[in-house]
Amino acid sequence: MPTYSKVNNLTGWTAFLIAFITYLLTIEETASFWDPGEFIAVAYKLQVPHPPGAPFFLLIYRMFGFLAFGEGLDVAYWMNVGSALFSAFTILFLFWTITLLGRKLYGISAETEPAKEQTIALMGAGLIGALAYTFSDSFWFSAVEAEVYAMSSFFTAIVIWAFLKWDVIRDPRAENQYMIFIAYLVGLSIGVHLLNLVTLPALALVVYFKKYKKHTLKGGIIAFLLGGVALVIINNIIIPGLPSIAGSIEIFFVNSLGLPFGSGIIFFTILFLGGLTYAIVYSYKREKVILNTILISLTFILIGYGSYALIVIRANADTVINENDPRDIISFVSYLKREQYGYRPLLHGQYFTAEVIDQVEGEPVYAKGDEKYEVVDYQLENIYEPEKKTILPRIYSTQERHKQLYRSKLGLREGEDPTFFDNIYFMIDHQLGHMYWRYFMWNFSGRESDFSDAPYLSIFSSFQTDFPEYIQNNKAHNNYYMLPLLLGLIGMFFQARMDPKSFYLTLMLFLMMGAVLVLYLNSPPVEPRERDYIYVGSFYAFAIWMGFGVLAIRQQLLKLKKGLAMAGMYAALIALPVPILMAGENWNDHDRSNRYFSVDSARNFLASCEPNAILFTGGDNDTFPLWYVQEVEGFRTDVRVIVLSYFDTDWYVKQMARPVNESAALDFTLQFDNYKKGTNDVLYITDRLESLPLVDYLKLLKNNSELLKLSNSRASNINTVPSRNLTLPINQNRVDSLDIVPEQFRNLRIPQLNIRLRGNYVTKGTLMLLDLIATNNWERPIYFNNTSLATIGFDMSQHVVMEGLTYRLLPIQKPDNQEELVNTELAYENVMENFAFRGMNNPDNYFDDEFRRFTSNHRSVLNSIAIALMDEKDLQRAEDILRLSLAKFPHEAIPYDLASGQSVPLLFELGMEEEALHIVDEMAERSVEMLDFYQETERSMDREASISMEMLRYFIPLLREQGYDEKADQLQVEFERLFGNAGNRMQRR
């Protein structure tokens, strides 16, 4: 008969295999939207990602990239396999964690063999808990893409398991060895993600319960706080603190003692390692076991943390992607501290209505110069109105959009100050409720849909059968009928009653990686996407309770029939439908096979550009897929992609001024001394002149002219822009020789660009964009995507021409009566011959909100091209474009959206009445259904509902104009029903 250990190992590896096969079958085959595109690109060539980096992640995933054997198109797949593998290992260690805790609950020591029925019960508990987590919404999402969260979950799982394994070891020597192993794991995890550290306060309870015989509440609190001290030491002292100390010594050695660069770091390294070595030898010789174990554990944490050397090494190699360029100790410390992201006050701070009443000059900001470290700026500390400060500030932001949302959520009028009650209400309602509890219930109760801010399925909506079709048919409409939640709650109460010590451990893990993390992150009123993946650690802890739910059911069965030999088996079978239900509900919206549009849309952006082009993007999701297709797949590396938000930094501008891949260096008039950190970060607009030639202004700025100084400023170094209106003369002979203006726009050529600046100041990024436009002198094509075009510091919409998904800057002026200019010849060619739409017409594929958003963007672009072709009387090619749109993005695969509705009059005009009416019918039916549902459930009007209302309003006169009076009358009746009475209330909500 096999021993418990063999059964435990075999069953655990079975759970691993089920998870791994599940993730392999549903894995993304290329780079997903958001961060995976960046991580795959930087791992493939060992480059430098966004702060604070993930060097150990990059090293490991680079090895997975080797499995592609040099085939760039397969690299993303194999890195995604890495996430699937680490996620499956997470399931393995979750299983073993549940069985370890189950043995403790039954009081079975490590030396004792459990009874056969107990073994079955423990295996059933481990399997149910592990499989439930395998098929949980948020964890599954991260398990099939190359992001840090899968590997981070693995480290969290193995550290929790290792602590529990340490708990059952009786040999003190083996105990210490295991503790050193745990320390090494913690050190390695620093190079992946810091979620692992959040478990330390909870895991300190394991040490307390084992090492102290008498357990008291006071003792437990002290142990928890000491675990918190360990967290602070690693997170606040070791990670940023040691490099910060090294940096201070380096500055002293170089600036004060006149020693060469690196001398201070060498001195600190020798001093620190020498001191650590001496302390270890001292503790060994004096037989101070605890001190020795602590010091060796610290050493292994530092060895794991040593993976961060990769960041500095690769930054000095001038990699293509080199975010923040942390090549020296000063920039490396800034990189680790994520200083570019600003801060949000945690324990004490101001409300969003607080005004700055003073600024205090703080610590100097250094940068490496030619011979020493130079002070380039000073940290400024804002002093706010003291009466508008509070403890635990939850409602603070400097962004106007955030301030408007705070007022909306709290019901505050303009000019009305929030109260402490408002502050706490926002924390409970939005941060804990909307940004955590909603995600928790997504995983264990159900999710209504994948629309933005989708609610969870509550005890009432879980059994609701009259959801509208657009929700019922949404693949992310996952209903578990609250069974996972119920099973977990049963297990939670069972563990609390039967094994209080382990319960407190699990509870602290649940809270530390959930509610406490929420309070620490202090999220703003809106995020660019859903953030449920942050809290998977908390859901991991709840999965432990789901496993204990099986043990609770077994206990009840034994009460019903004493001595029931198969109680554990029956309990597992009773609970088995829960993970099966979760797998069945979640499969179709977690199956990412045959999805390529995250990459194809990036290819389409690059394909819309002429050779050797410069393309400006607006942010992460606009840019990371482009980096991926260039760096990994080698597609259109002649195009220089510039992230507009990064252009405010000196390191990024400097990188743009060097050649990369097949892209030549960019030319600037200003030199590094003109845009280095602390110089021309902000230039205030003074409006002293009516207009100013841009080239002349750049020359004055380059020469640091006194004419531009802000005379009444304490900081005499601040430059100004003397006029809001900048002019750039256009050399028509040069433009003609370059032949960049299409024949159809020759009559729109202008003698000069008139650039009117927005706002009260110019940022460094805007300044460098102006410099690039002027210095480039139309040599290289300059393009914007729609996001960057809308966010630059001046309006260029009058001077750009659409050539596909991008807008090219040309020396022309758009007529006032025209919405946008389209180079129809080039745009048609790009769309019909160069664009890719793989898998977008397959209704079996799952396309989430990101795919739908990018699809809508493509549909809108195709509409614009069709309109331009129709204006040129080229009706056949206009029809080709619209038929392509309908064929590549059919309603069955990607439901019609706002852009589809806007194509209806075009379809009518081209005689495609059947297609036009199909869009009207589908969208009208969905709109009425949605608006009815919103009224019945008294929901606030969101973006989707507002679009539905406008589409109904839009279709009615359009149908009458085309002679479809009966259809128009039907929609008119529905519209008046919705908005004639109750609808008016709905619009006010």
Foldseek 3Di string as FASTA:
>chain_A
DDFLVVVLLVLLVVQLVVLLVLLLQQAFQAADFFDLLVLLLCLCVVAADAFPAQLLLSPVLNVLQCVVVQQLSRSFQSLLSVLSNLLSLLLSLLLLLLLLVLCVLVVNAPVHTDDPQSSLLSSLLSNLLSLLLSLFFLSLQRSRGNALLSNLSSLLSVLSSLLSVLLRDDDVVVSLVSLLVSLLSCLQSVSRDNLSLLLQLLSLLSVQVRPDPDDDPVSNVVSSVVSVVVSCCVLPCVQLNLLVVLVVQQQCCCVVVVDFHPPSNVVSVCVVVVVLVVQLVVCVVVVVVVSNSVSSSVVSSVVSNVSCVSLLVNLVVLALDNPQSCNGSQSSSCRHVVPVVPDDDFFKDFAQPWDFPDKDFAAFRWDDDDRHIDGQGTDIDTDTDPVGMDTGAQHHDPDPVLVVLLCVVQVHDVPDHDDVVSRVCCCVCPLQNQQFVQLLLCRQAHWQAQPASTGHQDLVNLPDDPADPVRVVHLRGAGLNNLSVVLLVLLLVVCCVSPVSVSSSLVSQLCSLGVVVSSVVSDGRDDPGRDSNSRSSNVSSSSSSSSSSLVSQLVVVCVVPPPPSNSSVVSSVVSVVNSVSSCVSSSLQSRFPQDDVLLLLLQLVLLLFDFLAEEEEADRSNPSSVSSCCSSVVHRVSYHYHYLVSLLALVRLVSQQCDDDNHHRFDFLADSVCRHPNHQQKAFEAAQDAEEELVVVSVCSNVQHQVQFPVPDPPRRHGHHDRQKYKAFADVVVCVVVVPDDPVQPVFADGIDIWGFDDGIAGSSLSRVSRRCRVCNPVHWYKYAPNVQVPRGTHQQQAWERQARITTGDRGGHDPVDDHHYPLVRRLCSVVPPGDLGPQQPLSHNDGPVNLVSLLSNLLRLLVSLVNCVVVVVLVSSVVSVVCNCRSHPCSRHNDFLSNLVCLVVCVVSVVNVSSVVNLVRLLVVLLSVLVVCLVVVHADDPRNVRSLVSLVVVLVVCVVSPNNVVSVVSVVSNCVCCVPSVVVNNVD
